[in-house]
PDB file of all heavy atoms in Angstrom:
ATOM      1  N   ARG A   1     -12.424 -11.649  -1.570  1.00  0.00           N
ATOM      2  CA  ARG A   1     -11.373 -12.563  -1.149  1.00  0.00           C
ATOM      3  C   ARG A   1     -10.343 -11.758  -0.357  1.00  0.00           C
ATOM      4  O   ARG A   1      -9.815 -10.761  -0.839  1.00  0.00           O
ATOM      5  CB  ARG A   1     -10.692 -13.182  -2.365  1.00  0.00           C
ATOM      6  CG  ARG A   1      -9.613 -14.206  -1.990  1.00  0.00           C
ATOM      7  CD  ARG A   1      -9.344 -15.158  -3.178  1.00  0.00           C
ATOM      8  NE  ARG A   1      -8.874 -14.451  -4.353  1.00  0.00           N
ATOM      9  CZ  ARG A   1      -7.584 -14.219  -4.652  1.00  0.00           C
ATOM     10  NH1 ARG A   1      -6.639 -14.668  -3.848  1.00  0.00           N
ATOM     11  NH2 ARG A   1      -7.256 -13.563  -5.766  1.00  0.00           N
ATOM     12  N   VAL A   2     -10.160 -12.137   0.887  1.00  0.00           N
ATOM     13  CA  VAL A   2      -9.228 -11.430   1.783  1.00  0.00           C
ATOM     14  C   VAL A   2      -7.937 -12.225   1.822  1.00  0.00           C
ATOM     15  O   VAL A   2      -7.923 -13.425   2.130  1.00  0.00           O
ATOM     16  CB  VAL A   2      -9.801 -11.293   3.193  1.00  0.00           C
ATOM     17  CG1 VAL A   2      -8.832 -10.562   4.094  1.00  0.00           C
ATOM     18  CG2 VAL A   2     -11.121 -10.532   3.160  1.00  0.00           C
ATOM     19  N   VAL A   3      -6.809 -11.555   1.523  1.00  0.00           N
ATOM     20  CA  VAL A   3      -5.495 -12.197   1.532  1.00  0.00           C
ATOM     21  C   VAL A   3      -4.648 -11.545   2.594  1.00  0.00           C
ATOM     22  O   VAL A   3      -4.870 -10.371   2.947  1.00  0.00           O
ATOM     23  CB  VAL A   3      -4.804 -12.075   0.153  1.00  0.00           C
ATOM     24  CG1 VAL A   3      -5.609 -12.798  -0.912  1.00  0.00           C
ATOM     25  CG2 VAL A   3      -4.592 -10.612  -0.254  1.00  0.00           C
ATOM     26  N   PRO A   4      -3.686 -12.272   3.163  1.00  0.00           N
ATOM     27  CA  PRO A   4      -2.848 -11.711   4.215  1.00  0.00           C
ATOM     28  C   PRO A   4      -2.055 -10.512   3.721  1.00  0.00           C
ATOM     29  O   PRO A   4      -1.536 -10.515   2.601  1.00  0.00           O
ATOM     30  CB  PRO A   4      -1.955 -12.878   4.629  1.00  0.00           C
ATOM     31  CG  PRO A   4      -2.619 -14.097   4.113  1.00  0.00           C
ATOM     32  CD  PRO A   4      -3.365 -13.686   2.900  1.00  0.00           C
ATOM     33  N   LEU A   5      -1.931  -9.518   4.572  1.00  0.00           N
ATOM     34  CA  LEU A   5      -1.079  -8.391   4.274  1.00  0.00           C
ATOM     35  C   LEU A   5       0.286  -8.670   4.869  1.00  0.00           C
ATOM     36  O   LEU A   5       0.466  -8.687   6.098  1.00  0.00           O
ATOM     37  CB  LEU A   5      -1.664  -7.116   4.898  1.00  0.00           C
ATOM     38  CG  LEU A   5      -0.940  -5.789   4.610  1.00  0.00           C
ATOM     39  CD1 LEU A   5      -0.980  -5.467   3.148  1.00  0.00           C
ATOM     40  CD2 LEU A   5      -1.524  -4.659   5.443  1.00  0.00           C
ATOM     41  N   SER A   6       1.269  -8.905   4.065  1.00  0.00           N
ATOM     42  CA  SER A   6       2.579  -9.365   4.512  1.00  0.00           C
ATOM     43  C   SER A   6       3.620  -8.259   4.480  1.00  0.00           C
ATOM     44  O   SER A   6       4.813  -8.517   4.550  1.00  0.00           O
ATOM     45  CB  SER A   6       3.060 -10.551   3.664  1.00  0.00           C
ATOM     46  OG  SER A   6       3.116 -10.193   2.300  1.00  0.00           O
ATOM     47  N   THR A   7       3.178  -6.998   4.335  1.00  0.00           N
ATOM     48  CA  THR A   7       4.127  -5.892   4.230  1.00  0.00           C
ATOM     49  C   THR A   7       3.494  -4.637   4.704  1.00  0.00           C
ATOM     50  O   THR A   7       2.257  -4.473   4.704  1.00  0.00           O
ATOM     51  CB  THR A   7       4.552  -5.700   2.755  1.00  0.00           C
ATOM     52  OG1 THR A   7       5.400  -4.553   2.634  1.00  0.00           O
ATOM     53  CG2 THR A   7       3.367  -5.534   1.850  1.00  0.00           C
ATOM     54  N   ARG A   8       4.321  -3.669   5.169  1.00  0.00           N
ATOM     55  CA  ARG A   8       3.823  -2.343   5.524  1.00  0.00           C
ATOM     56  C   ARG A   8       3.857  -1.409   4.317  1.00  0.00           C
ATOM     57  O   ARG A   8       3.459  -0.249   4.444  1.00  0.00           O
ATOM     58  CB  ARG A   8       4.712  -1.737   6.642  1.00  0.00           C
ATOM     59  CG  ARG A   8       4.558  -2.433   7.979  1.00  0.00           C
ATOM     60  CD  ARG A   8       3.174  -2.206   8.597  1.00  0.00           C
ATOM     61  NE  ARG A   8       3.074  -2.730   9.939  1.00  0.00           N
ATOM     62  CZ  ARG A   8       1.931  -2.851  10.609  1.00  0.00           C
ATOM     63  NH1 ARG A   8       0.816  -2.476  10.041  1.00  0.00           N
ATOM     64  NH2 ARG A   8       1.898  -3.344  11.825  1.00  0.00           N
ATOM     65  N   ASP A   9       4.278  -1.910   3.167  1.00  0.00           N
ATOM     66  CA  ASP A   9       4.284  -1.104   1.937  1.00  0.00           C
ATOM     67  C   ASP A   9       3.672  -1.946   0.834  1.00  0.00           C
ATOM     68  O   ASP A   9       4.396  -2.676   0.097  1.00  0.00           O
ATOM     69  CB  ASP A   9       5.687  -0.690   1.580  1.00  0.00           C
ATOM     70  CG  ASP A   9       5.711   0.294   0.389  1.00  0.00           C
ATOM     71  OD1 ASP A   9       4.661   0.456  -0.271  1.00  0.00           O
ATOM     72  OD2 ASP A   9       6.804   0.857   0.099  1.00  0.00           O
ATOM     73  N   PRO A  10       2.337  -1.903   0.678  1.00  0.00           N
ATOM     74  CA  PRO A  10       1.674  -2.780  -0.324  1.00  0.00           C
ATOM     75  C   PRO A  10       1.574  -2.210  -1.736  1.00  0.00           C
ATOM     76  O   PRO A  10       0.802  -2.703  -2.543  1.00  0.00           O
ATOM     77  CB  PRO A  10       0.272  -2.881   0.296  1.00  0.00           C
ATOM     78  CG  PRO A  10       0.047  -1.547   0.901  1.00  0.00           C
ATOM     79  CD  PRO A  10       1.390  -1.099   1.401  1.00  0.00           C
ATOM     80  N   ARG A  11       2.392  -1.206  -2.036  1.00  0.00           N
ATOM     81  CA  ARG A  11       2.278  -0.581  -3.380  1.00  0.00           C
ATOM     82  C   ARG A  11       2.547  -1.564  -4.509  1.00  0.00           C
ATOM     83  O   ARG A  11       1.953  -1.471  -5.557  1.00  0.00           O
ATOM     84  CB  ARG A  11       3.206   0.658  -3.460  1.00  0.00           C
ATOM     85  CG  ARG A  11       2.627   1.849  -2.706  1.00  0.00           C
ATOM     86  CD  ARG A  11       3.571   3.028  -2.721  1.00  0.00           C
ATOM     87  NE  ARG A  11       4.710   2.850  -1.834  1.00  0.00           N
ATOM     88  CZ  ARG A  11       5.591   3.811  -1.564  1.00  0.00           C
ATOM     89  NH1 ARG A  11       5.471   5.004  -2.109  1.00  0.00           N
ATOM     90  NH2 ARG A  11       6.584   3.588  -0.739  1.00  0.00           N
ATOM     91  N   GLN A  12       3.492  -2.467  -4.282  1.00  0.00           N
ATOM     92  CA  GLN A  12       3.789  -3.461  -5.345  1.00  0.00           C
ATOM     93  C   GLN A  12       2.617  -4.385  -5.558  1.00  0.00           C
ATOM     94  O   GLN A  12       2.289  -4.777  -6.690  1.00  0.00           O
ATOM     95  CB  GLN A  12       5.027  -4.271  -4.963  1.00  0.00           C
ATOM     96  CG  GLN A  12       5.508  -5.255  -6.029  1.00  0.00           C
ATOM     97  CD  GLN A  12       5.983  -4.566  -7.319  1.00  0.00           C
ATOM     98  OE1 GLN A  12       6.335  -3.401  -7.266  1.00  0.00           O
ATOM     99  NE2 GLN A  12       6.007  -5.299  -8.396  1.00  0.00           N
ATOM    100  N   LEU A  13       1.900  -4.741  -4.496  1.00  0.00           N
ATOM    101  CA  LEU A  13       0.714  -5.584  -4.625  1.00  0.00           C
ATOM    102  C   LEU A  13      -0.340  -4.896  -5.451  1.00  0.00           C
ATOM    103  O   LEU A  13      -1.011  -5.512  -6.286  1.00  0.00           O
ATOM    104  CB  LEU A  13       0.118  -5.919  -3.237  1.00  0.00           C
ATOM    105  CG  LEU A  13       0.969  -6.729  -2.280  1.00  0.00           C
ATOM    106  CD1 LEU A  13       0.295  -6.858  -0.912  1.00  0.00           C
ATOM    107  CD2 LEU A  13       1.241  -8.110  -2.851  1.00  0.00           C
ATOM    108  N   LEU A  14      -0.511  -3.597  -5.239  1.00  0.00           N
ATOM    109  CA  LEU A  14      -1.514  -2.839  -5.996  1.00  0.00           C
ATOM    110  C   LEU A  14      -1.032  -2.570  -7.425  1.00  0.00           C
ATOM    111  O   LEU A  14      -1.842  -2.615  -8.370  1.00  0.00           O
ATOM    112  CB  LEU A  14      -1.774  -1.510  -5.286  1.00  0.00           C
ATOM    113  CG  LEU A  14      -2.435  -1.596  -3.909  1.00  0.00           C
ATOM    114  CD1 LEU A  14      -2.271  -0.314  -3.145  1.00  0.00           C
ATOM    115  CD2 LEU A  14      -3.894  -1.998  -4.034  1.00  0.00           C
ATOM    116  N   GLU A  15       0.252  -2.366  -7.582  1.00  0.00           N
ATOM    117  CA  GLU A  15       0.828  -2.122  -8.901  1.00  0.00           C
ATOM    118  C   GLU A  15       0.611  -3.340  -9.835  1.00  0.00           C
ATOM    119  O   GLU A  15       0.230  -3.207 -11.009  1.00  0.00           O
ATOM    120  CB  GLU A  15       2.274  -1.831  -8.806  1.00  0.00           C
ATOM    121  CG  GLU A  15       2.927  -1.385 -10.096  1.00  0.00           C
ATOM    122  CD  GLU A  15       2.561   0.034 -10.532  1.00  0.00           C
ATOM    123  OE1 GLU A  15       2.931   0.989  -9.824  1.00  0.00           O
ATOM    124  OE2 GLU A  15       1.831   0.124 -11.511  1.00  0.00           O
ATOM    125  N   THR A  16       0.797  -4.533  -9.298  1.00  0.00           N
ATOM    126  CA  THR A  16       0.667  -5.741 -10.094  1.00  0.00           C
ATOM    127  C   THR A  16      -0.746  -6.333 -10.038  1.00  0.00           C
ATOM    128  O   THR A  16      -0.981  -7.413 -10.553  1.00  0.00           O
ATOM    129  CB  THR A  16       1.647  -6.802  -9.600  1.00  0.00           C
ATOM    130  OG1 THR A  16       1.381  -7.087  -8.201  1.00  0.00           O
ATOM    131  CG2 THR A  16       3.098  -6.314  -9.736  1.00  0.00           C
ATOM    132  N   GLN A  17      -1.673  -5.603  -9.408  1.00  0.00           N
ATOM    133  CA  GLN A  17      -3.071  -6.008  -9.303  1.00  0.00           C
ATOM    134  C   GLN A  17      -3.236  -7.322  -8.540  1.00  0.00           C
ATOM    135  O   GLN A  17      -4.179  -8.083  -8.812  1.00  0.00           O
ATOM    136  CB  GLN A  17      -3.702  -6.072 -10.666  1.00  0.00           C
ATOM    137  CG  GLN A  17      -3.750  -4.737 -11.395  1.00  0.00           C
ATOM    138  CD  GLN A  17      -4.486  -4.778 -12.710  1.00  0.00           C
ATOM    139  OE1 GLN A  17      -4.362  -5.723 -13.481  1.00  0.00           O
ATOM    140  NE2 GLN A  17      -5.263  -3.721 -12.987  1.00  0.00           N
ATOM    141  N   ALA A  18      -2.349  -7.580  -7.620  1.00  0.00           N
ATOM    142  CA  ALA A  18      -2.502  -8.746  -6.713  1.00  0.00           C
ATOM    143  C   ALA A  18      -3.649  -8.518  -5.764  1.00  0.00           C
ATOM    144  O   ALA A  18      -4.188  -9.466  -5.198  1.00  0.00           O
ATOM    145  CB  ALA A  18      -1.194  -9.025  -5.957  1.00  0.00           C
ATOM    146  N   CYS A  19      -4.007  -7.249  -5.542  1.00  0.00           N
ATOM    147  CA  CYS A  19      -5.180  -6.941  -4.728  1.00  0.00           C
ATOM    148  C   CYS A  19      -5.756  -5.646  -5.252  1.00  0.00           C
ATOM    149  O   CYS A  19      -5.106  -4.840  -5.928  1.00  0.00           O
ATOM    150  CB  CYS A  19      -4.844  -6.827  -3.243  1.00  0.00           C
ATOM    151  SG  CYS A  19      -3.791  -5.395  -2.822  1.00  0.00           S
ATOM    152  N   ASP A  20      -7.036  -5.414  -4.959  1.00  0.00           N
ATOM    153  CA  ASP A  20      -7.742  -4.220  -5.384  1.00  0.00           C
ATOM    154  C   ASP A  20      -7.614  -3.096  -4.375  1.00  0.00           C
ATOM    155  O   ASP A  20      -7.635  -1.902  -4.728  1.00  0.00           O
ATOM    156  CB  ASP A  20      -9.215  -4.525  -5.607  1.00  0.00           C
ATOM    157  CG  ASP A  20      -9.415  -5.539  -6.716  1.00  0.00           C
ATOM    158  OD1 ASP A  20      -9.100  -5.234  -7.871  1.00  0.00           O
ATOM    159  OD2 ASP A  20      -9.903  -6.656  -6.389  1.00  0.00           O
ATOM    160  N   LEU A  21      -7.500  -3.466  -3.081  1.00  0.00           N
ATOM    161  CA  LEU A  21      -7.473  -2.489  -2.006  1.00  0.00           C
ATOM    162  C   LEU A  21      -6.662  -3.089  -0.850  1.00  0.00           C
ATOM    163  O   LEU A  21      -6.839  -4.248  -0.500  1.00  0.00           O
ATOM    164  CB  LEU A  21      -8.898  -2.186  -1.537  1.00  0.00           C
ATOM    165  CG  LEU A  21      -9.079  -1.003  -0.581  1.00  0.00           C
ATOM    166  CD1 LEU A  21      -8.841   0.332  -1.306  1.00  0.00           C
ATOM    167  CD2 LEU A  21     -10.484  -1.010  -0.013  1.00  0.00           C
ATOM    168  N   ALA A  22      -5.764  -2.294  -0.316  1.00  0.00           N
ATOM    169  CA  ALA A  22      -4.971  -2.712   0.831  1.00  0.00           C
ATOM    170  C   ALA A  22      -5.420  -1.876   2.029  1.00  0.00           C
ATOM    171  O   ALA A  22      -5.620  -0.648   1.907  1.00  0.00           O
ATOM    172  CB  ALA A  22      -3.483  -2.510   0.587  1.00  0.00           C
ATOM    173  N   VAL A  23      -5.586  -2.513   3.180  1.00  0.00           N
ATOM    174  CA  VAL A  23      -6.041  -1.817   4.395  1.00  0.00           C
ATOM    175  C   VAL A  23      -5.067  -2.137   5.491  1.00  0.00           C
ATOM    176  O   VAL A  23      -4.813  -3.312   5.805  1.00  0.00           O
ATOM    177  CB  VAL A  23      -7.473  -2.260   4.785  1.00  0.00           C
ATOM    178  CG1 VAL A  23      -7.902  -1.528   6.046  1.00  0.00           C
ATOM    179  CG2 VAL A  23      -8.462  -2.025   3.655  1.00  0.00           C
ATOM    180  N   GLY A  24      -4.524  -1.076   6.109  1.00  0.00           N
ATOM    181  CA  GLY A  24      -3.559  -1.313   7.200  1.00  0.00           C
ATOM    182  C   GLY A  24      -2.848  -0.066   7.625  1.00  0.00           C
ATOM    183  O   GLY A  24      -3.230   1.073   7.274  1.00  0.00           O
ATOM    184  N   HIS A  25      -1.795  -0.238   8.393  1.00  0.00           N
ATOM    185  CA  HIS A  25      -0.964   0.843   8.874  1.00  0.00           C
ATOM    186  C   HIS A  25       0.293   0.908   8.008  1.00  0.00           C
ATOM    187  O   HIS A  25       1.092  -0.027   7.964  1.00  0.00           O
ATOM    188  CB  HIS A  25      -0.566   0.572  10.344  1.00  0.00           C
ATOM    189  CG  HIS A  25       0.365   1.584  10.935  1.00  0.00           C
ATOM    190  ND1 HIS A  25       0.149   2.941  10.828  1.00  0.00           N
ATOM    191  CD2 HIS A  25       1.521   1.416  11.628  1.00  0.00           C
ATOM    192  CE1 HIS A  25       1.133   3.574  11.451  1.00  0.00           C
ATOM    193  NE2 HIS A  25       1.974   2.670  11.926  1.00  0.00           N
ATOM    194  N   PHE A  26       0.415   2.023   7.222  1.00  0.00           N
ATOM    195  CA  PHE A  26       1.481   2.133   6.233  1.00  0.00           C
ATOM    196  C   PHE A  26       2.344   3.365   6.559  1.00  0.00           C
ATOM    197  O   PHE A  26       2.226   4.411   5.844  1.00  0.00           O
ATOM    198  CB  PHE A  26       0.892   2.225   4.845  1.00  0.00           C
ATOM    199  CG  PHE A  26      -0.112   1.164   4.530  1.00  0.00           C
ATOM    200  CD1 PHE A  26      -1.406   1.476   4.051  1.00  0.00           C
ATOM    201  CD2 PHE A  26       0.189  -0.181   4.711  1.00  0.00           C
ATOM    202  CE1 PHE A  26      -2.312   0.490   3.775  1.00  0.00           C
ATOM    203  CE2 PHE A  26      -0.744  -1.176   4.419  1.00  0.00           C
ATOM    204  CZ  PHE A  26      -2.011  -0.838   3.974  1.00  0.00           C
ATOM    205  N   PRO A  27       3.169   3.298   7.598  1.00  0.00           N
ATOM    206  CA  PRO A  27       3.864   4.490   8.091  1.00  0.00           C
ATOM    207  C   PRO A  27       4.851   5.156   7.115  1.00  0.00           C
ATOM    208  O   PRO A  27       5.092   6.349   7.194  1.00  0.00           O
ATOM    209  CB  PRO A  27       4.583   3.988   9.345  1.00  0.00           C
ATOM    210  CG  PRO A  27       4.712   2.519   9.140  1.00  0.00           C
ATOM    211  CD  PRO A  27       3.473   2.096   8.370  1.00  0.00           C
ATOM    212  N   SER A  28       5.393   4.371   6.196  1.00  0.00           N
ATOM    213  CA  SER A  28       6.376   4.934   5.251  1.00  0.00           C
ATOM    214  C   SER A  28       5.729   5.384   3.955  1.00  0.00           C
ATOM    215  O   SER A  28       6.304   6.193   3.219  1.00  0.00           O
ATOM    216  CB  SER A  28       7.508   3.953   4.972  1.00  0.00           C
ATOM    217  OG  SER A  28       7.002   2.803   4.303  1.00  0.00           O
ATOM    218  N   VAL A  29       4.555   4.825   3.652  1.00  0.00           N
ATOM    219  CA  VAL A  29       3.927   5.080   2.355  1.00  0.00           C
ATOM    220  C   VAL A  29       3.297   6.481   2.313  1.00  0.00           C
ATOM    221  O   VAL A  29       3.499   7.244   1.386  1.00  0.00           O
ATOM    222  CB  VAL A  29       2.903   4.013   2.033  1.00  0.00           C
ATOM    223  CG1 VAL A  29       2.174   4.328   0.720  1.00  0.00           C
ATOM    224  CG2 VAL A  29       3.533   2.640   1.954  1.00  0.00           C
ATOM    225  N   LEU A  30       2.492   6.781   3.346  1.00  0.00           N
ATOM    226  CA  LEU A  30       1.729   8.017   3.304  1.00  0.00           C
ATOM    227  C   LEU A  30       2.585   9.283   3.280  1.00  0.00           C
ATOM    228  O   LEU A  30       2.294  10.204   2.522  1.00  0.00           O
ATOM    229  CB  LEU A  30       0.754   8.077   4.465  1.00  0.00           C
ATOM    230  CG  LEU A  30      -0.207   6.852   4.540  1.00  0.00           C
ATOM    231  CD1 LEU A  30      -1.364   7.158   5.499  1.00  0.00           C
ATOM    232  CD2 LEU A  30      -0.776   6.483   3.186  1.00  0.00           C
ATOM    233  N   PRO A  31       3.678   9.363   4.088  1.00  0.00           N
ATOM    234  CA  PRO A  31       4.526  10.550   3.958  1.00  0.00           C
ATOM    235  C   PRO A  31       5.131  10.685   2.560  1.00  0.00           C
ATOM    236  O   PRO A  31       5.285  11.813   2.069  1.00  0.00           O
ATOM    237  CB  PRO A  31       5.627  10.287   5.014  1.00  0.00           C
ATOM    238  CG  PRO A  31       4.987   9.392   6.003  1.00  0.00           C
ATOM    239  CD  PRO A  31       4.082   8.507   5.190  1.00  0.00           C
ATOM    240  N   ASP A  32       5.477   9.582   1.920  1.00  0.00           N
ATOM    241  CA  ASP A  32       6.043   9.618   0.587  1.00  0.00           C
ATOM    242  C   ASP A  32       5.010  10.152  -0.396  1.00  0.00           C
ATOM    243  O   ASP A  32       5.345  11.001  -1.271  1.00  0.00           O
ATOM    244  CB  ASP A  32       6.498   8.210   0.162  1.00  0.00           C
ATOM    245  CG  ASP A  32       7.164   8.199  -1.186  1.00  0.00           C
ATOM    246  OD1 ASP A  32       8.018   9.048  -1.436  1.00  0.00           O
ATOM    247  OD2 ASP A  32       6.793   7.329  -2.020  1.00  0.00           O
ATOM    248  N   LEU A  33       3.766   9.700  -0.307  1.00  0.00           N
ATOM    249  CA  LEU A  33       2.710  10.182  -1.198  1.00  0.00           C
ATOM    250  C   LEU A  33       2.414  11.652  -0.938  1.00  0.00           C
ATOM    251  O   LEU A  33       2.209  12.429  -1.881  1.00  0.00           O
ATOM    252  CB  LEU A  33       1.425   9.358  -1.013  1.00  0.00           C
ATOM    253  CG  LEU A  33       1.506   7.875  -1.379  1.00  0.00           C
ATOM    254  CD1 LEU A  33       0.196   7.164  -1.133  1.00  0.00           C
ATOM    255  CD2 LEU A  33       1.911   7.705  -2.843  1.00  0.00           C
ATOM    256  N   THR A  34       2.417  12.036   0.319  1.00  0.00           N
ATOM    257  CA  THR A  34       2.156  13.457   0.660  1.00  0.00           C
ATOM    258  C   THR A  34       3.244  14.362   0.088  1.00  0.00           C
ATOM    259  O   THR A  34       2.966  15.436  -0.455  1.00  0.00           O
ATOM    260  CB  THR A  34       2.064  13.631   2.183  1.00  0.00           C
ATOM    261  OG1 THR A  34       1.024  12.811   2.699  1.00  0.00           O
ATOM    262  CG2 THR A  34       1.803  15.068   2.551  1.00  0.00           C
ATOM    263  N   ALA A  35       4.486  13.914   0.184  1.00  0.00           N
ATOM    264  CA  ALA A  35       5.615  14.682  -0.365  1.00  0.00           C
ATOM    265  C   ALA A  35       5.490  14.810  -1.860  1.00  0.00           C
ATOM    266  O   ALA A  35       5.749  15.894  -2.460  1.00  0.00           O
ATOM    267  CB  ALA A  35       6.926  14.017   0.002  1.00  0.00           C
ATOM    268  N   LYS A  36       5.074  13.755  -2.561  1.00  0.00           N
ATOM    269  CA  LYS A  36       4.885  13.815  -4.020  1.00  0.00           C
ATOM    270  C   LYS A  36       3.807  14.836  -4.361  1.00  0.00           C
ATOM    271  O   LYS A  36       3.950  15.630  -5.302  1.00  0.00           O
ATOM    272  CB  LYS A  36       4.525  12.447  -4.566  1.00  0.00           C
ATOM    273  CG  LYS A  36       5.690  11.476  -4.704  1.00  0.00           C
ATOM    274  CD  LYS A  36       5.211  10.172  -5.317  1.00  0.00           C
ATOM    275  CE  LYS A  36       6.398   9.284  -5.752  1.00  0.00           C
ATOM    276  NZ  LYS A  36       7.298   8.947  -4.679  1.00  0.00           N
ATOM    277  N   ALA A  37       2.710  14.835  -3.601  1.00  0.00           N
ATOM    278  CA  ALA A  37       1.631  15.763  -3.891  1.00  0.00           C
ATOM    279  C   ALA A  37       2.081  17.204  -3.666  1.00  0.00           C
ATOM    280  O   ALA A  37       1.764  18.099  -4.439  1.00  0.00           O
ATOM    281  CB  ALA A  37       0.433  15.424  -2.998  1.00  0.00           C
ATOM    282  N   GLN A  38       2.835  17.423  -2.600  1.00  0.00           N
ATOM    283  CA  GLN A  38       3.332  18.786  -2.324  1.00  0.00           C
ATOM    284  C   GLN A  38       4.289  19.291  -3.376  1.00  0.00           C
ATOM    285  O   GLN A  38       4.400  20.492  -3.606  1.00  0.00           O
ATOM    286  CB  GLN A  38       4.000  18.810  -0.934  1.00  0.00           C
ATOM    287  CG  GLN A  38       2.984  18.608   0.201  1.00  0.00           C
ATOM    288  CD  GLN A  38       3.654  18.520   1.550  1.00  0.00           C
ATOM    289  OE1 GLN A  38       4.876  18.257   1.651  1.00  0.00           O
ATOM    290  NE2 GLN A  38       2.865  18.639   2.621  1.00  0.00           N
TER     291      GLN A  38
END
């Protein structure tokens, strides 16, 4: 089931299990995750 991606930050959708996988351009998410890993 494909649902519209209505945000550039889908972490809340994944947190609440509204979707299993989000696919898109997430310019603010990836730097934040990289910083956490570092």
